[in-house]
Amino acid sequence: MGNLENIICKYVTDTSIELSDNTNLMRDLELSSLDFADILCDIEDYYGIEVNEKDINNIMTIGEIKSYIEGKV
C-alpha cells in the first residue's frame, strides 16, 4: 500500500513524522478536515472505491484506511 502513503504525504507539512499503521491523520499529522476530505477523495479516485459517509468516523488511522481499502477492492 505504498501508494496510500504517497497520497497522504502530499498533505503532510512535517516531513520528519514517520508514518505507521497507528498514525492518526488528524491528531498525529495535524491535518485539517479539508485535508482529510481531500485524502479520501484521492483514495476513491486511485483505488476506484467509494468511501461511505457513515464509515468516515471509523477510518482515522492509516491502518484503518488500509483495512477499509482492502475490504472494498
PDB file of N, CA and C in Angstrom:
ATOM      1  N   MET A   1       0.822  -1.197   0.000  1.00  0.00           N
ATOM      2  CA  MET A   1       0.000   0.000   0.000  1.00  0.00           C
ATOM      3  C   MET A   1       0.862   1.255   0.000  1.00  0.00           C
ATOM      4  N   GLY A   2       2.004   1.182  -0.603  1.00  0.00           N
ATOM      5  CA  GLY A   2       2.879   2.343  -0.672  1.00  0.00           C
ATOM      6  C   GLY A   2       2.217   3.547  -1.309  1.00  0.00           C
ATOM      7  N   ASN A   3       1.287   3.292  -2.220  1.00  0.00           N
ATOM      8  CA  ASN A   3       0.590   4.397  -2.863  1.00  0.00           C
ATOM      9  C   ASN A   3      -0.265   5.176  -1.873  1.00  0.00           C
ATOM     10  N   LEU A   4      -0.801   4.506  -0.875  1.00  0.00           N
ATOM     11  CA  LEU A   4      -1.574   5.186   0.150  1.00  0.00           C
ATOM     12  C   LEU A   4      -0.700   6.199   0.881  1.00  0.00           C
ATOM     13  N   GLU A   5       0.495   5.784   1.251  1.00  0.00           N
ATOM     14  CA  GLU A   5       1.402   6.698   1.928  1.00  0.00           C
ATOM     15  C   GLU A   5       1.763   7.880   1.032  1.00  0.00           C
ATOM     16  N   ASN A   6       1.920   7.637  -0.266  1.00  0.00           N
ATOM     17  CA  ASN A   6       2.193   8.732  -1.201  1.00  0.00           C
ATOM     18  C   ASN A   6       1.039   9.723  -1.242  1.00  0.00           C
ATOM     19  N   ILE A   7      -0.182   9.212  -1.229  1.00  0.00           N
ATOM     20  CA  ILE A   7      -1.357  10.084  -1.219  1.00  0.00           C
ATOM     21  C   ILE A   7      -1.350  10.935   0.041  1.00  0.00           C
ATOM     22  N   ILE A   8      -1.116  10.318   1.186  1.00  0.00           N
ATOM     23  CA  ILE A   8      -1.144  11.035   2.460  1.00  0.00           C
ATOM     24  C   ILE A   8      -0.021  12.054   2.542  1.00  0.00           C
ATOM     25  N   CYS A   9       1.161  11.690   2.076  1.00  0.00           N
ATOM     26  CA  CYS A   9       2.329  12.582   2.179  1.00  0.00           C
ATOM     27  C   CYS A   9       2.137  13.886   1.428  1.00  0.00           C
ATOM     28  N   LYS A  10       1.280  13.902   0.420  1.00  0.00           N
ATOM     29  CA  LYS A  10       1.021  15.147  -0.307  1.00  0.00           C
ATOM     30  C   LYS A  10       0.434  16.221   0.604  1.00  0.00           C
ATOM     31  N   TYR A  11      -0.168  15.815   1.717  1.00  0.00           N
ATOM     32  CA  TYR A  11      -0.858  16.746   2.603  1.00  0.00           C
ATOM     33  C   TYR A  11      -0.120  16.996   3.919  1.00  0.00           C
ATOM     34  N   VAL A  12       0.997  16.313   4.125  1.00  0.00           N
ATOM     35  CA  VAL A  12       1.748  16.429   5.383  1.00  0.00           C
ATOM     36  C   VAL A  12       2.845  17.474   5.214  1.00  0.00           C
ATOM     37  N   THR A  13       2.854  18.454   6.110  1.00  0.00           N
ATOM     38  CA  THR A  13       3.868  19.501   6.018  1.00  0.00           C
ATOM     39  C   THR A  13       5.127  19.164   6.807  1.00  0.00           C
ATOM     40  N   ASP A  14       4.976  18.374   7.864  1.00  0.00           N
ATOM     41  CA  ASP A  14       6.125  17.993   8.693  1.00  0.00           C
ATOM     42  C   ASP A  14       6.686  16.663   8.183  1.00  0.00           C
ATOM     43  N   THR A  15       7.748  16.743   7.404  1.00  0.00           N
ATOM     44  CA  THR A  15       8.314  15.543   6.785  1.00  0.00           C
ATOM     45  C   THR A  15       9.115  14.686   7.761  1.00  0.00           C
ATOM     46  N   SER A  16       9.287  15.148   8.995  1.00  0.00           N
ATOM     47  CA  SER A  16      10.033  14.358   9.975  1.00  0.00           C
ATOM     48  C   SER A  16       9.164  13.286  10.633  1.00  0.00           C
ATOM     49  N   ILE A  17       7.869  13.352  10.433  1.00  0.00           N
ATOM     50  CA  ILE A  17       6.952  12.381  11.033  1.00  0.00           C
ATOM     51  C   ILE A  17       6.997  11.090  10.231  1.00  0.00           C
ATOM     52  N   GLU A  18       7.223   9.979  10.939  1.00  0.00           N
ATOM     53  CA  GLU A  18       7.210   8.669  10.293  1.00  0.00           C
ATOM     54  C   GLU A  18       5.790   8.120  10.318  1.00  0.00           C
ATOM     55  N   LEU A  19       5.347   7.649   9.176  1.00  0.00           N
ATOM     56  CA  LEU A  19       4.007   7.096   9.071  1.00  0.00           C
ATOM     57  C   LEU A  19       4.011   5.629   9.465  1.00  0.00           C
ATOM     58  N   SER A  20       2.992   5.232  10.224  1.00  0.00           N
ATOM     59  CA  SER A  20       2.801   3.828  10.588  1.00  0.00           C
ATOM     60  C   SER A  20       1.305   3.544  10.558  1.00  0.00           C
ATOM     61  N   ASP A  21       0.946   2.291  10.731  1.00  0.00           N
ATOM     62  CA  ASP A  21      -0.472   1.934  10.758  1.00  0.00           C
ATOM     63  C   ASP A  21      -1.220   2.625  11.895  1.00  0.00           C
ATOM     64  N   ASN A  22      -0.509   3.000  12.955  1.00  0.00           N
ATOM     65  CA  ASN A  22      -1.146   3.649  14.104  1.00  0.00           C
ATOM     66  C   ASN A  22      -1.220   5.167  13.983  1.00  0.00           C
ATOM     67  N   THR A  23      -0.665   5.726  12.919  1.00  0.00           N
ATOM     68  CA  THR A  23      -0.673   7.171  12.750  1.00  0.00           C
ATOM     69  C   THR A  23      -2.093   7.666  12.517  1.00  0.00           C
ATOM     70  N   ASN A  24      -2.532   8.598  13.377  1.00  0.00           N
ATOM     71  CA  ASN A  24      -3.847   9.209  13.250  1.00  0.00           C
ATOM     72  C   ASN A  24      -3.703  10.450  12.374  1.00  0.00           C
ATOM     73  N   LEU A  25      -4.479  10.496  11.305  1.00  0.00           N
ATOM     74  CA  LEU A  25      -4.321  11.576  10.336  1.00  0.00           C
ATOM     75  C   LEU A  25      -4.592  12.950  10.941  1.00  0.00           C
ATOM     76  N   MET A  26      -5.620  13.067  11.731  1.00  0.00           N
ATOM     77  CA  MET A  26      -5.992  14.367  12.275  1.00  0.00           C
ATOM     78  C   MET A  26      -5.103  14.750  13.466  1.00  0.00           C
ATOM     79  N   ARG A  27      -4.908  13.838  14.379  1.00  0.00           N
ATOM     80  CA  ARG A  27      -4.163  14.158  15.605  1.00  0.00           C
ATOM     81  C   ARG A  27      -2.656  14.161  15.373  1.00  0.00           C
ATOM     82  N   ASP A  28      -2.118  13.096  14.826  1.00  0.00           N
ATOM     83  CA  ASP A  28      -0.666  12.964  14.696  1.00  0.00           C
ATOM     84  C   ASP A  28      -0.091  13.812  13.560  1.00  0.00           C
ATOM     85  N   LEU A  29      -0.820  13.883  12.457  1.00  0.00           N
ATOM     86  CA  LEU A  29      -0.324  14.626  11.301  1.00  0.00           C
ATOM     87  C   LEU A  29      -0.855  16.051  11.254  1.00  0.00           C
ATOM     88  N   GLU A  30      -1.755  16.356  12.189  1.00  0.00           N
ATOM     89  CA  GLU A  30      -2.351  17.687  12.305  1.00  0.00           C
ATOM     90  C   GLU A  30      -2.971  18.156  10.989  1.00  0.00           C
ATOM     91  N   LEU A  31      -3.654  17.232  10.326  1.00  0.00           N
ATOM     92  CA  LEU A  31      -4.333  17.569   9.082  1.00  0.00           C
ATOM     93  C   LEU A  31      -5.680  18.211   9.389  1.00  0.00           C
ATOM     94  N   SER A  32      -6.074  19.133   8.548  1.00  0.00           N
ATOM     95  CA  SER A  32      -7.384  19.763   8.692  1.00  0.00           C
ATOM     96  C   SER A  32      -8.455  18.814   8.176  1.00  0.00           C
ATOM     97  N   SER A  33      -9.693  19.120   8.490  1.00  0.00           N
ATOM     98  CA  SER A  33     -10.789  18.295   7.993  1.00  0.00           C
ATOM     99  C   SER A  33     -10.863  18.379   6.467  1.00  0.00           C
ATOM    100  N   LEU A  34     -10.465  19.505   5.904  1.00  0.00           N
ATOM    101  CA  LEU A  34     -10.431  19.641   4.447  1.00  0.00           C
ATOM    102  C   LEU A  34      -9.356  18.736   3.845  1.00  0.00           C
ATOM    103  N   ASP A  35      -8.174  18.699   4.473  1.00  0.00           N
ATOM    104  CA  ASP A  35      -7.116  17.795   4.018  1.00  0.00           C
ATOM    105  C   ASP A  35      -7.588  16.344   4.084  1.00  0.00           C
ATOM    106  N   PHE A  36      -8.259  15.998   5.181  1.00  0.00           N
ATOM    107  CA  PHE A  36      -8.764  14.639   5.356  1.00  0.00           C
ATOM    108  C   PHE A  36      -9.755  14.297   4.238  1.00  0.00           C
ATOM    109  N   ALA A  37     -10.651  15.229   3.943  1.00  0.00           N
ATOM    110  CA  ALA A  37     -11.626  15.009   2.868  1.00  0.00           C
ATOM    111  C   ALA A  37     -10.920  14.856   1.519  1.00  0.00           C
ATOM    112  N   ASP A  38      -9.891  15.668   1.291  1.00  0.00           N
ATOM    113  CA  ASP A  38      -9.133  15.572   0.038  1.00  0.00           C
ATOM    114  C   ASP A  38      -8.419  14.224  -0.071  1.00  0.00           C
ATOM    115  N   ILE A  39      -7.874  13.739   1.033  1.00  0.00           N
ATOM    116  CA  ILE A  39      -7.216  12.427   1.043  1.00  0.00           C
ATOM    117  C   ILE A  39      -8.232  11.343   0.683  1.00  0.00           C
ATOM    118  N   LEU A  40      -9.409  11.409   1.283  1.00  0.00           N
ATOM    119  CA  LEU A  40     -10.436  10.413   0.980  1.00  0.00           C
ATOM    120  C   LEU A  40     -10.837  10.463  -0.490  1.00  0.00           C
ATOM    121  N   CYS A  41     -10.937  11.658  -1.062  1.00  0.00           N
ATOM    122  CA  CYS A  41     -11.257  11.788  -2.491  1.00  0.00           C
ATOM    123  C   CYS A  41     -10.145  11.190  -3.352  1.00  0.00           C
ATOM    124  N   ASP A  42      -8.901  11.450  -2.966  1.00  0.00           N
ATOM    125  CA  ASP A  42      -7.769  10.878  -3.697  1.00  0.00           C
ATOM    126  C   ASP A  42      -7.773   9.353  -3.619  1.00  0.00           C
ATOM    127  N   ILE A  43      -8.103   8.824  -2.448  1.00  0.00           N
ATOM    128  CA  ILE A  43      -8.181   7.373  -2.266  1.00  0.00           C
ATOM    129  C   ILE A  43      -9.280   6.798  -3.149  1.00  0.00           C
ATOM    130  N   GLU A  44     -10.433   7.452  -3.166  1.00  0.00           N
ATOM    131  CA  GLU A  44     -11.536   6.987  -4.013  1.00  0.00           C
ATOM    132  C   GLU A  44     -11.109   6.952  -5.478  1.00  0.00           C
ATOM    133  N   ASP A  45     -10.456   8.022  -5.918  1.00  0.00           N
ATOM    134  CA  ASP A  45     -10.023   8.092  -7.315  1.00  0.00           C
ATOM    135  C   ASP A  45      -8.970   7.035  -7.632  1.00  0.00           C
ATOM    136  N   TYR A  46      -7.970   6.903  -6.771  1.00  0.00           N
ATOM    137  CA  TYR A  46      -6.865   5.990  -7.053  1.00  0.00           C
ATOM    138  C   TYR A  46      -7.307   4.529  -7.020  1.00  0.00           C
ATOM    139  N   TYR A  47      -8.073   4.166  -5.992  1.00  0.00           N
ATOM    140  CA  TYR A  47      -8.440   2.761  -5.808  1.00  0.00           C
ATOM    141  C   TYR A  47      -9.777   2.402  -6.461  1.00  0.00           C
ATOM    142  N   GLY A  48     -10.484   3.393  -7.001  1.00  0.00           N
ATOM    143  CA  GLY A  48     -11.756   3.122  -7.659  1.00  0.00           C
ATOM    144  C   GLY A  48     -12.827   2.634  -6.703  1.00  0.00           C
ATOM    145  N   ILE A  49     -12.823   3.190  -5.494  1.00  0.00           N
ATOM    146  CA  ILE A  49     -13.810   2.807  -4.492  1.00  0.00           C
ATOM    147  C   ILE A  49     -14.599   4.036  -4.071  1.00  0.00           C
ATOM    148  N   GLU A  50     -15.676   3.798  -3.327  1.00  0.00           N
ATOM    149  CA  GLU A  50     -16.442   4.896  -2.750  1.00  0.00           C
ATOM    150  C   GLU A  50     -16.394   4.766  -1.234  1.00  0.00           C
ATOM    151  N   VAL A  51     -15.992   5.837  -0.574  1.00  0.00           N
ATOM    152  CA  VAL A  51     -15.962   5.854   0.892  1.00  0.00           C
ATOM    153  C   VAL A  51     -17.317   6.357   1.351  1.00  0.00           C
ATOM    154  N   ASN A  52     -18.044   5.511   2.050  1.00  0.00           N
ATOM    155  CA  ASN A  52     -19.366   5.876   2.554  1.00  0.00           C
ATOM    156  C   ASN A  52     -19.247   6.863   3.711  1.00  0.00           C
ATOM    157  N   GLU A  53     -20.127   7.854   3.726  1.00  0.00           N
ATOM    158  CA  GLU A  53     -20.095   8.865   4.789  1.00  0.00           C
ATOM    159  C   GLU A  53     -20.196   8.240   6.172  1.00  0.00           C
ATOM    160  N   LYS A  54     -20.983   7.184   6.298  1.00  0.00           N
ATOM    161  CA  LYS A  54     -21.160   6.558   7.614  1.00  0.00           C
ATOM    162  C   LYS A  54     -19.889   5.873   8.105  1.00  0.00           C
ATOM    163  N   ASP A  55     -18.953   5.597   7.192  1.00  0.00           N
ATOM    164  CA  ASP A  55     -17.715   4.919   7.562  1.00  0.00           C
ATOM    165  C   ASP A  55     -16.583   5.879   7.929  1.00  0.00           C
ATOM    166  N   ILE A  56     -16.746   7.146   7.619  1.00  0.00           N
ATOM    167  CA  ILE A  56     -15.650   8.104   7.782  1.00  0.00           C
ATOM    168  C   ILE A  56     -15.139   8.165   9.223  1.00  0.00           C
ATOM    169  N   ASN A  57     -16.016   8.125  10.201  1.00  0.00           N
ATOM    170  CA  ASN A  57     -15.589   8.212  11.602  1.00  0.00           C
ATOM    171  C   ASN A  57     -14.832   6.979  12.072  1.00  0.00           C
ATOM    172  N   ASN A  58     -14.856   5.910  11.282  1.00  0.00           N
ATOM    173  CA  ASN A  58     -14.179   4.672  11.663  1.00  0.00           C
ATOM    174  C   ASN A  58     -12.833   4.492  10.967  1.00  0.00           C
ATOM    175  N   ILE A  59     -12.397   5.490  10.206  1.00  0.00           N
ATOM    176  CA  ILE A  59     -11.134   5.353   9.479  1.00  0.00           C
ATOM    177  C   ILE A  59     -10.245   6.567   9.741  1.00  0.00           C
ATOM    178  N   MET A  60      -9.698   6.638  10.936  1.00  0.00           N
ATOM    179  CA  MET A  60      -8.871   7.776  11.322  1.00  0.00           C
ATOM    180  C   MET A  60      -7.370   7.495  11.276  1.00  0.00           C
ATOM    181  N   THR A  61      -6.987   6.225  11.303  1.00  0.00           N
ATOM    182  CA  THR A  61      -5.558   5.899  11.260  1.00  0.00           C
ATOM    183  C   THR A  61      -5.210   5.308   9.895  1.00  0.00           C
ATOM    184  N   ILE A  62      -3.944   5.289   9.593  1.00  0.00           N
ATOM    185  CA  ILE A  62      -3.500   4.711   8.330  1.00  0.00           C
ATOM    186  C   ILE A  62      -3.879   3.234   8.261  1.00  0.00           C
ATOM    187  N   GLY A  63      -3.736   2.517   9.361  1.00  0.00           N
ATOM    188  CA  GLY A  63      -4.112   1.105   9.403  1.00  0.00           C
ATOM    189  C   GLY A  63      -5.593   0.897   9.130  1.00  0.00           C
ATOM    190  N   GLU A  64      -6.429   1.760   9.693  1.00  0.00           N
ATOM    191  CA  GLU A  64      -7.873   1.656   9.455  1.00  0.00           C
ATOM    192  C   GLU A  64      -8.208   1.946   7.991  1.00  0.00           C
ATOM    193  N   ILE A  65      -7.491   2.903   7.403  1.00  0.00           N
ATOM    194  CA  ILE A  65      -7.708   3.204   5.991  1.00  0.00           C
ATOM    195  C   ILE A  65      -7.296   2.007   5.134  1.00  0.00           C
ATOM    196  N   LYS A  66      -6.152   1.401   5.456  1.00  0.00           N
ATOM    197  CA  LYS A  66      -5.702   0.221   4.696  1.00  0.00           C
ATOM    198  C   LYS A  66      -6.733  -0.893   4.775  1.00  0.00           C
ATOM    199  N   SER A  67      -7.238  -1.157   5.966  1.00  0.00           N
ATOM    200  CA  SER A  67      -8.248  -2.218   6.134  1.00  0.00           C
ATOM    201  C   SER A  67      -9.504  -1.891   5.345  1.00  0.00           C
ATOM    202  N   TYR A  68      -9.894  -0.637   5.369  1.00  0.00           N
ATOM    203  CA  TYR A  68     -11.096  -0.217   4.639  1.00  0.00           C
ATOM    204  C   TYR A  68     -10.914  -0.439   3.138  1.00  0.00           C
ATOM    205  N   ILE A  69      -9.766  -0.025   2.623  1.00  0.00           N
ATOM    206  CA  ILE A  69      -9.480  -0.198   1.193  1.00  0.00           C
ATOM    207  C   ILE A  69      -9.474  -1.680   0.834  1.00  0.00           C
ATOM    208  N   GLU A  70      -8.809  -2.495   1.650  1.00  0.00           N
ATOM    209  CA  GLU A  70      -8.731  -3.936   1.381  1.00  0.00           C
ATOM    210  C   GLU A  70     -10.112  -4.565   1.358  1.00  0.00           C
ATOM    211  N   GLY A  71     -11.025  -4.052   2.184  1.00  0.00           N
ATOM    212  CA  GLY A  71     -12.388  -4.572   2.208  1.00  0.00           C
ATOM    213  C   GLY A  71     -13.218  -4.141   1.020  1.00  0.00           C
ATOM    214  N   LYS A  72     -12.773  -3.117   0.318  1.00  0.00           N
ATOM    215  CA  LYS A  72     -13.532  -2.571  -0.811  1.00  0.00           C
ATOM    216  C   LYS A  72     -13.025  -3.044  -2.173  1.00  0.00           C
ATOM    217  N   VAL A  73     -11.746  -3.431  -2.243  1.00  0.00           N
ATOM    218  CA  VAL A  73     -11.206  -3.827  -3.559  1.00  0.00           C
ATOM    219  C   VAL A  73     -11.198  -5.327  -3.726  1.00  0.00           C
TER     220      VAL A  73
END
